[in-house]
Amino acid sequence: MKQSQPQRREFLRYVGTLAALSAPAMQAAANEKDKISFPPTEAKSEKPEKTEPPGDPMSERIGVAIVGVGRIAVNEMLPAFAQSKHAKPVALVSGDRAKALKVAHQYDIPESAVLDYKEYEKLAQMPEVQAVYIALPNSMHAEYTIRAAKAGKHVLCEKPMANSVAECQQMIDACRKAGKKLMIAYRSQYESNDRALVKMIRDKKLGTLKEFISVNSQNMGDPQHWRLKRALAGGGALPDVGLYCLNAARFLSGEEPVEVMGNVWSTPGDARFREVEESCQFVLRFPSGFIASCSTSYASHKSQMFRLNGSDAWAELNPAYAYSGIKLKVSRVVEGKEQTSEVQAEDKNQFAAELDHFAQCIQQNREVHTPGEEGLQDQRIMEAIYESARTHRPVRLKAPGRTRGPEPQEEG
């Protein structure tokens, strides 16, 4: 009996060590094992060279089915998998099989994993698919999120979350009932310049926030595009591009608006805007006195920017909301002189960043940063903007519950 005591102690110590290691710690230890470093070659005066942290082995990455192979999926999300460290595309769902097969060939996805929408429930029998990315017209988000949850899959859904508050709640309820994660693809909240600005704000580098001024506009061409059909899009410029301004005012300030005023306009006789608004202007008032003034249009030359004015400094993203090329400027008084400087944030693919956050939250069973409640709150506010535009009166907003999860973890 005495001879077995050291072995028993070693076993208990081993078990205790395993119990102490959280999923993130275990993954960090595995990544450290695969980490590669190089001796410096340049002088200390130069910016240090950075070697990217290792990604997961392909066998350990989260398998994602892409639902809808339109522009954002083909041009942005699928290429982002090449820069992802924790996810991989393993299936496609599309009504256009010929196009889907071309995409599948590029990403080494087998033909058997290319499904039609009528075959969507087959995902339940595909263990290699752990999650879906929904890149469909807005009116289809609720249906395909609910069906994915019933099939036992986690969901990353494009914004806007849905066409109504009721649909948003149904999506949240379905994923909660199934025990699956629901994340809304607010890519700007994972973009490196926006992340740098959030840190600046939280560290009080701008002082007290006073106002947010933003424009997000583009000139739509095809009058038959689904974004100009109310049944598919739910609205015009506001839910598509104006939503970026609305969401930025919320996540940058860390506050929720208490009142909104809105106005919409469509040029008479313009065939593009028979069903949805051409432009929308809105003002959000927050509890601290912070004010957001935003304008969005479907009939103006592309313009994407915002300026955030604080008591001690201002910060500006111009362009903002874009897929790439975002620039962050900050201006403040230094030694009695106004000094404006460009902040060099790390250049990262924002689609890969949001994808990796989603995948890691699944791997480590963590709460996502932009859950369904975040999309639900934006939908509530957009409906209030439309109500204000219709009644020509300000609309009061009720305080929501918690809408956002913990801040995304930085990998390094």
Protein backbone atom coordinates (compact mmCIF):
# COMPACT_ATOMS: atom_id res chain seq x y z
CA MET A 1 0.00 0.00 0.00
CA LYS A 2 2.79 2.39 0.94
CA GLN A 3 4.60 1.70 -2.33
CA SER A 4 1.56 2.91 -4.31
CA GLN A 5 1.36 6.28 -2.54
CA PRO A 6 3.86 8.16 -4.80
CA GLN A 7 2.03 6.89 -7.89
CA ARG A 8 -1.29 7.95 -6.40
CA ARG A 9 0.07 11.41 -5.58
CA GLU A 10 1.43 11.78 -9.11
CA PHE A 11 -1.94 10.75 -10.57
CA LEU A 12 -3.83 13.24 -8.39
CA ARG A 13 -1.37 15.98 -9.29
CA TYR A 14 -1.90 15.18 -12.99
CA VAL A 15 -5.69 15.27 -12.63
CA GLY A 16 -5.48 18.54 -10.72
CA THR A 17 -3.35 20.07 -13.43
CA LEU A 18 -5.86 19.08 -16.11
CA ALA A 19 -8.71 20.53 -14.07
CA ALA A 20 -6.83 23.80 -13.60
CA LEU A 21 -6.26 24.22 -17.31
CA SER A 22 -9.18 26.08 -18.90
CA ALA A 23 -9.95 25.52 -22.57
CA PRO A 24 -8.27 28.84 -23.53
CA ALA A 25 -5.18 27.96 -21.49
CA MET A 26 -4.93 24.52 -23.07
CA GLN A 27 -5.25 26.03 -26.54
CA ALA A 28 -2.65 28.68 -25.71
CA ALA A 29 -0.28 25.96 -24.54
CA ALA A 30 -0.83 24.05 -27.79
CA ASN A 31 -0.23 27.19 -29.84
CA GLU A 32 2.95 27.94 -27.89
CA LYS A 33 4.22 24.50 -28.85
CA ASP A 34 3.79 25.34 -32.54
CA LYS A 35 5.02 28.93 -32.31
CA ILE A 36 7.89 29.92 -34.57
CA SER A 37 10.31 32.77 -33.82
CA PHE A 38 13.26 34.30 -35.64
CA PRO A 39 16.25 36.24 -34.33
CA PRO A 40 16.06 40.00 -35.07
CA THR A 41 17.85 41.20 -38.19
CA GLU A 42 17.19 44.95 -38.00
CA ALA A 43 18.43 47.68 -35.67
CA LYS A 44 16.51 48.67 -32.52
CA SER A 45 15.43 51.85 -34.29
CA GLU A 46 13.13 49.79 -36.54
CA LYS A 47 9.69 48.42 -35.87
CA PRO A 48 10.02 44.84 -34.58
CA GLU A 49 9.15 42.12 -37.05
CA LYS A 50 6.08 40.12 -36.07
CA THR A 51 5.50 36.46 -36.86
CA GLU A 52 1.82 35.56 -36.86
CA PRO A 53 0.72 33.22 -34.06
CA PRO A 54 0.09 29.68 -35.30
CA GLY A 55 -3.32 28.54 -36.43
CA ASP A 56 -5.10 25.37 -35.42
CA PRO A 57 -4.37 22.18 -37.37
CA MET A 58 -7.01 21.77 -40.07
CA SER A 59 -8.50 18.77 -38.24
CA GLU A 60 -9.24 20.97 -35.20
CA ARG A 61 -10.76 23.97 -36.99
CA ILE A 62 -14.47 24.72 -36.84
CA GLY A 63 -16.18 23.51 -40.03
CA VAL A 64 -18.50 26.14 -41.49
CA ALA A 65 -21.23 25.78 -44.11
CA ILE A 66 -21.67 28.93 -46.22
CA VAL A 67 -25.39 29.53 -46.77
CA GLY A 68 -25.79 31.70 -49.88
CA VAL A 69 -22.99 32.25 -52.39
CA GLY A 70 -23.61 35.89 -53.29
CA ARG A 71 -21.14 38.77 -53.36
CA ILE A 72 -20.28 39.03 -49.67
CA ALA A 73 -19.72 35.29 -49.34
CA VAL A 74 -17.71 34.86 -52.55
CA ASN A 75 -15.77 38.14 -52.53
CA GLU A 76 -15.14 38.59 -48.82
CA MET A 77 -15.92 35.77 -46.40
CA LEU A 78 -14.65 32.77 -48.37
CA PRO A 79 -11.27 34.41 -49.17
CA ALA A 80 -11.01 35.36 -45.46
CA PHE A 81 -10.75 31.66 -44.54
CA ALA A 82 -7.21 31.78 -45.96
CA GLN A 83 -6.31 34.15 -43.11
CA SER A 84 -8.39 32.38 -40.48
CA LYS A 85 -6.61 30.40 -37.78
CA HIS A 86 -9.58 28.58 -36.32
CA ALA A 87 -12.20 27.95 -39.05
CA LYS A 88 -12.49 26.26 -42.43
CA PRO A 89 -15.22 26.11 -45.13
CA VAL A 90 -16.61 22.60 -45.45
CA ALA A 91 -20.00 22.95 -47.19
CA LEU A 92 -22.07 25.27 -49.38
CA VAL A 93 -25.82 25.85 -49.58
CA SER A 94 -27.11 27.52 -52.74
CA GLY A 95 -30.01 27.54 -55.18
CA ASP A 96 -27.52 27.83 -58.06
CA ARG A 97 -25.68 24.51 -58.12
CA ALA A 98 -23.51 25.36 -61.12
CA LYS A 99 -22.14 28.46 -59.40
CA ALA A 100 -21.78 26.65 -56.07
CA LEU A 101 -19.78 23.84 -57.69
CA LYS A 102 -17.34 26.39 -59.14
CA VAL A 103 -16.87 27.86 -55.66
CA ALA A 104 -16.58 24.39 -54.10
CA HIS A 105 -13.81 23.46 -56.55
CA GLN A 106 -11.80 26.53 -55.48
CA TYR A 107 -12.03 25.65 -51.78
CA ASP A 108 -11.67 21.86 -52.03
CA ILE A 109 -15.24 21.30 -50.85
CA PRO A 110 -16.59 17.95 -52.11
CA GLU A 111 -19.62 17.92 -54.41
CA SER A 112 -21.50 15.89 -51.81
CA ALA A 113 -21.23 18.89 -49.44
CA VAL A 114 -22.91 21.26 -51.92
CA LEU A 115 -26.58 21.39 -50.93
CA ASP A 116 -29.69 23.02 -52.29
CA TYR A 117 -31.90 25.01 -49.92
CA LYS A 118 -34.42 22.14 -50.07
CA GLU A 119 -31.70 19.87 -48.65
CA TYR A 120 -30.80 22.22 -45.79
CA GLU A 121 -31.85 19.74 -43.08
CA LYS A 122 -29.15 17.34 -44.32
CA LEU A 123 -26.71 19.52 -42.36
CA ALA A 124 -27.90 17.69 -39.24
CA GLN A 125 -26.27 14.50 -40.61
CA MET A 126 -22.98 16.26 -41.46
CA PRO A 127 -20.75 16.20 -38.34
CA GLU A 128 -18.00 18.05 -40.20
CA VAL A 129 -20.34 21.08 -40.24
CA GLN A 130 -20.34 22.62 -36.77
CA ALA A 131 -21.61 26.05 -37.76
CA VAL A 132 -23.26 27.98 -40.58
CA TYR A 133 -22.59 31.45 -41.99
CA ILE A 134 -25.82 32.95 -43.32
CA ALA A 135 -25.31 35.40 -46.19
CA LEU A 136 -28.85 35.52 -47.59
CA PRO A 137 -31.28 38.40 -48.20
CA ASN A 138 -32.47 39.88 -44.90
CA SER A 139 -35.94 38.34 -45.05
CA MET A 140 -34.40 34.83 -45.07
CA HIS A 141 -32.17 35.26 -42.01
CA ALA A 142 -34.76 34.18 -39.46
CA GLU A 143 -35.89 31.04 -41.31
CA TYR A 144 -32.39 29.73 -41.99
CA THR A 145 -31.10 30.59 -38.52
CA ILE A 146 -33.99 28.73 -36.88
CA ARG A 147 -33.55 25.73 -39.18
CA ALA A 148 -29.79 25.67 -38.50
CA ALA A 149 -30.38 25.69 -34.74
CA LYS A 150 -32.81 22.78 -35.09
CA ALA A 151 -30.14 20.95 -37.09
CA GLY A 152 -27.75 21.42 -34.17
CA LYS A 153 -25.50 24.07 -35.73
CA HIS A 154 -24.07 27.32 -34.36
CA VAL A 155 -24.97 30.41 -36.42
CA LEU A 156 -23.02 33.42 -37.70
CA CYS A 157 -25.64 35.61 -39.40
CA GLU A 158 -25.05 38.68 -41.54
CA LYS A 159 -26.49 42.04 -40.52
CA PRO A 160 -29.14 43.37 -40.39
CA MET A 161 -30.23 40.47 -38.23
CA ALA A 162 -33.77 40.26 -39.66
CA ASN A 163 -36.70 42.35 -40.89
CA SER A 164 -38.52 42.75 -37.59
CA VAL A 165 -38.09 42.67 -33.82
CA ALA A 166 -40.31 39.57 -33.70
CA GLU A 167 -38.05 37.69 -36.13
CA CYS A 168 -34.94 38.66 -34.16
CA GLN A 169 -36.48 37.29 -30.96
CA GLN A 170 -37.46 34.06 -32.70
CA MET A 171 -33.85 33.58 -33.81
CA ILE A 172 -32.54 34.18 -30.30
CA ASP A 173 -35.09 31.81 -28.77
CA ALA A 174 -34.38 29.04 -31.31
CA CYS A 175 -30.61 29.11 -30.73
CA ARG A 176 -31.03 29.31 -26.97
CA LYS A 177 -33.42 26.33 -26.99
CA ALA A 178 -30.96 24.32 -29.10
CA GLY A 179 -28.00 25.31 -26.92
CA LYS A 180 -26.22 26.85 -29.91
CA LYS A 181 -24.39 30.16 -30.29
CA LEU A 182 -25.87 32.96 -32.38
CA MET A 183 -23.51 35.73 -33.48
CA ILE A 184 -24.39 38.66 -35.75
CA ALA A 185 -21.64 39.59 -38.22
CA TYR A 186 -20.91 43.15 -37.12
CA ARG A 187 -17.49 43.10 -38.76
CA SER A 188 -16.66 46.69 -37.75
CA GLN A 189 -16.61 45.64 -34.11
CA TYR A 190 -13.72 43.28 -34.95
CA GLU A 191 -11.86 45.62 -37.34
CA SER A 192 -8.44 46.71 -36.03
CA ASN A 193 -8.89 50.50 -36.33
CA ASP A 194 -12.26 50.34 -34.59
CA ARG A 195 -10.71 48.14 -31.88
CA ALA A 196 -7.88 50.67 -31.42
CA LEU A 197 -10.44 53.47 -31.11
CA VAL A 198 -12.52 51.53 -28.58
CA LYS A 199 -9.40 51.14 -26.42
CA MET A 200 -8.65 54.86 -26.76
CA ILE A 201 -12.17 55.74 -25.63
CA ARG A 202 -12.14 53.34 -22.68
CA ASP A 203 -8.74 54.77 -21.64
CA LYS A 204 -10.27 58.30 -21.75
CA LYS A 205 -7.81 59.46 -24.43
CA LEU A 206 -10.55 61.61 -26.00
CA GLY A 207 -11.92 62.87 -22.69
CA THR A 208 -15.70 62.87 -22.32
CA LEU A 209 -17.53 61.88 -25.51
CA LYS A 210 -19.77 64.66 -26.80
CA GLU A 211 -20.94 63.90 -30.34
CA PHE A 212 -20.75 61.44 -33.20
CA ILE A 213 -21.26 62.58 -36.80
CA SER A 214 -21.43 59.97 -39.54
CA VAL A 215 -22.29 59.36 -43.20
CA ASN A 216 -22.58 56.03 -44.99
CA SER A 217 -23.89 56.29 -48.54
CA GLN A 218 -23.66 54.55 -51.90
CA ASN A 219 -25.32 54.94 -55.29
CA MET A 220 -27.46 51.91 -56.17
CA GLY A 221 -27.90 51.11 -59.84
CA ASP A 222 -30.11 48.10 -60.63
CA PRO A 223 -33.77 48.86 -59.75
CA GLN A 224 -34.41 45.07 -59.60
CA HIS A 225 -31.77 44.37 -56.95
CA TRP A 226 -33.18 42.54 -53.92
CA ARG A 227 -31.99 45.33 -51.61
CA LEU A 228 -34.59 47.59 -53.25
CA LYS A 229 -37.46 45.14 -52.58
CA ARG A 230 -39.17 45.76 -49.24
CA ALA A 231 -40.22 42.14 -48.76
CA LEU A 232 -36.61 40.96 -49.05
CA ALA A 233 -34.69 43.85 -47.50
CA GLY A 234 -37.11 45.21 -44.91
CA GLY A 235 -36.17 48.78 -45.84
CA GLY A 236 -33.74 50.78 -47.94
CA ALA A 237 -30.58 52.65 -47.02
CA LEU A 238 -31.23 52.52 -43.26
CA PRO A 239 -31.04 48.76 -42.55
CA ASP A 240 -28.32 48.14 -45.12
CA VAL A 241 -25.75 50.93 -44.78
CA GLY A 242 -27.25 53.27 -42.18
CA LEU A 243 -27.07 50.44 -39.67
CA TYR A 244 -23.27 50.83 -39.57
CA CYS A 245 -23.61 54.39 -38.28
CA LEU A 246 -26.21 53.38 -35.73
CA ASN A 247 -24.21 50.44 -34.43
CA ALA A 248 -20.95 52.42 -34.31
CA ALA A 249 -22.54 55.14 -32.16
CA ARG A 250 -23.64 52.43 -29.73
CA PHE A 251 -20.53 50.28 -29.47
CA LEU A 252 -18.06 53.18 -29.44
CA SER A 253 -19.90 55.11 -26.74
CA GLY A 254 -20.84 52.03 -24.74
CA GLU A 255 -24.25 53.63 -24.19
CA GLU A 256 -27.77 52.93 -25.43
CA PRO A 257 -29.89 55.76 -26.89
CA VAL A 258 -32.95 56.97 -24.98
CA GLU A 259 -34.56 58.95 -27.80
CA VAL A 260 -34.47 59.02 -31.59
CA MET A 261 -35.60 61.41 -34.30
CA GLY A 262 -35.73 60.30 -37.93
CA ASN A 263 -36.52 61.44 -41.44
CA VAL A 264 -36.71 59.52 -44.72
CA TRP A 265 -36.81 60.70 -48.33
CA SER A 266 -37.24 59.21 -51.81
CA THR A 267 -36.99 61.23 -55.03
CA PRO A 268 -40.41 61.14 -56.77
CA GLY A 269 -40.34 59.13 -59.98
CA ASP A 270 -37.05 57.34 -59.25
CA ALA A 271 -37.78 53.70 -60.17
CA ARG A 272 -35.25 52.44 -57.62
CA PHE A 273 -37.24 53.73 -54.67
CA ARG A 274 -40.80 52.64 -55.29
CA GLU A 275 -40.69 50.30 -52.27
CA VAL A 276 -37.88 51.47 -49.97
CA GLU A 277 -36.45 54.79 -48.84
CA GLU A 278 -33.68 56.49 -50.78
CA SER A 279 -32.16 58.24 -47.78
CA CYS A 280 -32.54 58.48 -44.04
CA GLN A 281 -31.27 61.01 -41.52
CA PHE A 282 -31.51 60.33 -37.80
CA VAL A 283 -30.37 61.70 -34.46
CA LEU A 284 -29.81 59.54 -31.37
CA ARG A 285 -29.76 61.03 -27.89
CA PHE A 286 -27.93 59.12 -25.14
CA PRO A 287 -28.27 59.30 -21.31
CA SER A 288 -24.96 61.15 -20.80
CA GLY A 289 -25.90 63.89 -23.27
CA PHE A 290 -23.87 62.29 -26.04
CA ILE A 291 -25.52 62.89 -29.45
CA ALA A 292 -25.18 60.93 -32.70
CA SER A 293 -26.17 62.63 -35.99
CA CYS A 294 -26.20 60.24 -38.93
CA SER A 295 -27.07 60.32 -42.63
CA THR A 296 -27.34 57.46 -45.09
CA SER A 297 -28.33 57.25 -48.75
CA TYR A 298 -28.74 54.86 -51.66
CA ALA A 299 -28.41 57.63 -54.25
CA SER A 300 -25.16 59.42 -53.33
CA HIS A 301 -21.61 58.76 -54.45
CA LYS A 302 -19.97 56.37 -51.98
CA SER A 303 -19.08 58.20 -48.78
CA GLN A 304 -18.13 56.42 -45.56
CA MET A 305 -16.88 58.37 -42.57
CA PHE A 306 -17.42 59.30 -38.96
CA ARG A 307 -15.97 61.77 -36.51
CA LEU A 308 -16.17 61.27 -32.76
CA ASN A 309 -15.77 64.50 -30.81
CA GLY A 310 -14.58 64.36 -27.22
CA SER A 311 -13.84 67.09 -24.69
CA ASP A 312 -10.06 66.61 -25.09
CA ALA A 313 -9.64 65.35 -28.67
CA TRP A 314 -11.44 64.11 -31.74
CA ALA A 315 -11.01 60.87 -33.65
CA GLU A 316 -12.02 60.18 -37.23
CA LEU A 317 -12.32 57.15 -39.47
CA ASN A 318 -12.28 58.16 -43.13
CA PRO A 319 -13.05 55.94 -44.83
CA ALA A 320 -15.04 54.08 -42.21
CA TYR A 321 -17.14 50.93 -42.57
CA ALA A 322 -15.22 49.83 -45.69
CA TYR A 323 -13.91 46.30 -46.28
CA SER A 324 -10.34 47.64 -46.42
CA GLY A 325 -8.31 50.87 -46.49
CA ILE A 326 -9.76 52.27 -43.24
CA LYS A 327 -7.73 55.10 -41.74
CA LEU A 328 -7.86 56.41 -38.16
CA LYS A 329 -6.87 59.99 -37.32
CA VAL A 330 -6.75 61.68 -33.93
CA SER A 331 -6.35 65.40 -33.18
CA ARG A 332 -5.52 67.07 -29.85
CA VAL A 333 -3.50 69.99 -28.48
CA VAL A 334 0.11 69.07 -27.70
CA GLU A 335 2.37 71.74 -26.13
CA GLY A 336 -0.06 74.46 -27.13
CA LYS A 337 -0.42 73.39 -30.75
CA GLU A 338 -3.13 71.38 -32.49
CA GLN A 339 -1.61 68.10 -33.57
CA THR A 340 -3.34 65.68 -35.93
CA SER A 341 -1.82 62.26 -36.41
CA GLU A 342 -2.73 59.04 -38.17
CA VAL A 343 -2.83 56.01 -35.92
CA GLN A 344 -1.30 52.94 -37.54
CA ALA A 345 -3.49 50.06 -36.41
CA GLU A 346 -2.45 46.53 -37.28
CA ASP A 347 -3.67 45.58 -40.75
CA LYS A 348 -5.96 42.58 -40.30
CA ASN A 349 -8.75 41.13 -42.40
CA GLN A 350 -11.91 42.06 -40.50
CA PHE A 351 -13.87 39.10 -41.91
CA ALA A 352 -11.18 36.70 -40.70
CA ALA A 353 -11.15 38.46 -37.31
CA GLU A 354 -14.90 38.05 -36.76
CA LEU A 355 -14.77 34.49 -38.10
CA ASP A 356 -11.98 33.53 -35.72
CA HIS A 357 -13.76 35.10 -32.75
CA PHE A 358 -16.85 33.07 -33.60
CA ALA A 359 -14.84 29.85 -34.03
CA GLN A 360 -12.91 30.31 -30.79
CA CYS A 361 -16.10 30.95 -28.85
CA ILE A 362 -17.38 27.60 -30.12
CA GLN A 363 -14.11 25.81 -29.36
CA GLN A 364 -13.84 27.27 -25.86
CA ASN A 365 -17.57 27.56 -25.12
CA ARG A 366 -17.27 31.32 -24.59
CA GLU A 367 -19.89 34.02 -25.02
CA VAL A 368 -19.73 35.82 -28.38
CA HIS A 369 -19.13 39.58 -28.47
CA THR A 370 -22.02 40.41 -30.85
CA PRO A 371 -24.86 38.02 -29.98
CA GLY A 372 -28.43 38.08 -31.21
CA GLU A 373 -29.34 40.64 -28.56
CA GLU A 374 -27.05 43.15 -30.29
CA GLY A 375 -28.92 42.73 -33.57
CA LEU A 376 -32.27 42.84 -31.78
CA GLN A 377 -31.44 46.20 -30.19
CA ASP A 378 -30.47 47.74 -33.54
CA GLN A 379 -33.71 46.46 -35.04
CA ARG A 380 -35.70 48.08 -32.21
CA ILE A 381 -33.95 51.40 -32.84
CA MET A 382 -34.45 51.23 -36.62
CA GLU A 383 -38.16 50.61 -36.15
CA ALA A 384 -38.26 53.66 -33.85
CA ILE A 385 -36.48 55.75 -36.54
CA TYR A 386 -39.14 54.75 -39.08
CA GLU A 387 -41.88 55.55 -36.56
CA SER A 388 -40.37 58.99 -35.93
CA ALA A 389 -40.14 59.64 -39.68
CA ARG A 390 -43.78 58.63 -40.09
CA THR A 391 -45.13 60.68 -37.16
CA HIS A 392 -42.65 63.59 -37.36
CA ARG A 393 -42.11 63.24 -33.61
CA PRO A 394 -39.23 62.06 -31.45
CA VAL A 395 -39.62 58.50 -30.15
CA ARG A 396 -38.54 57.45 -26.67
CA LEU A 397 -36.66 54.18 -26.32
CA LYS A 398 -36.75 51.71 -23.45
CA ALA A 399 -33.47 50.61 -21.93
CA PRO A 400 -32.56 47.13 -23.19
CA GLY A 401 -31.00 44.35 -21.21
CA ARG A 402 -27.40 43.36 -21.87
CA THR A 403 -26.80 43.41 -25.63
CA ARG A 404 -23.06 42.72 -26.01
CA GLY A 405 -20.74 40.00 -24.78
CA PRO A 406 -17.13 40.33 -23.55
CA GLU A 407 -14.64 42.17 -25.72
CA PRO A 408 -12.92 40.02 -28.38
CA GLN A 409 -9.61 38.53 -27.25
CA GLU A 410 -6.50 39.66 -29.08
CA GLU A 411 -4.29 36.88 -30.40
CA GLY A 412 -0.57 37.32 -30.22
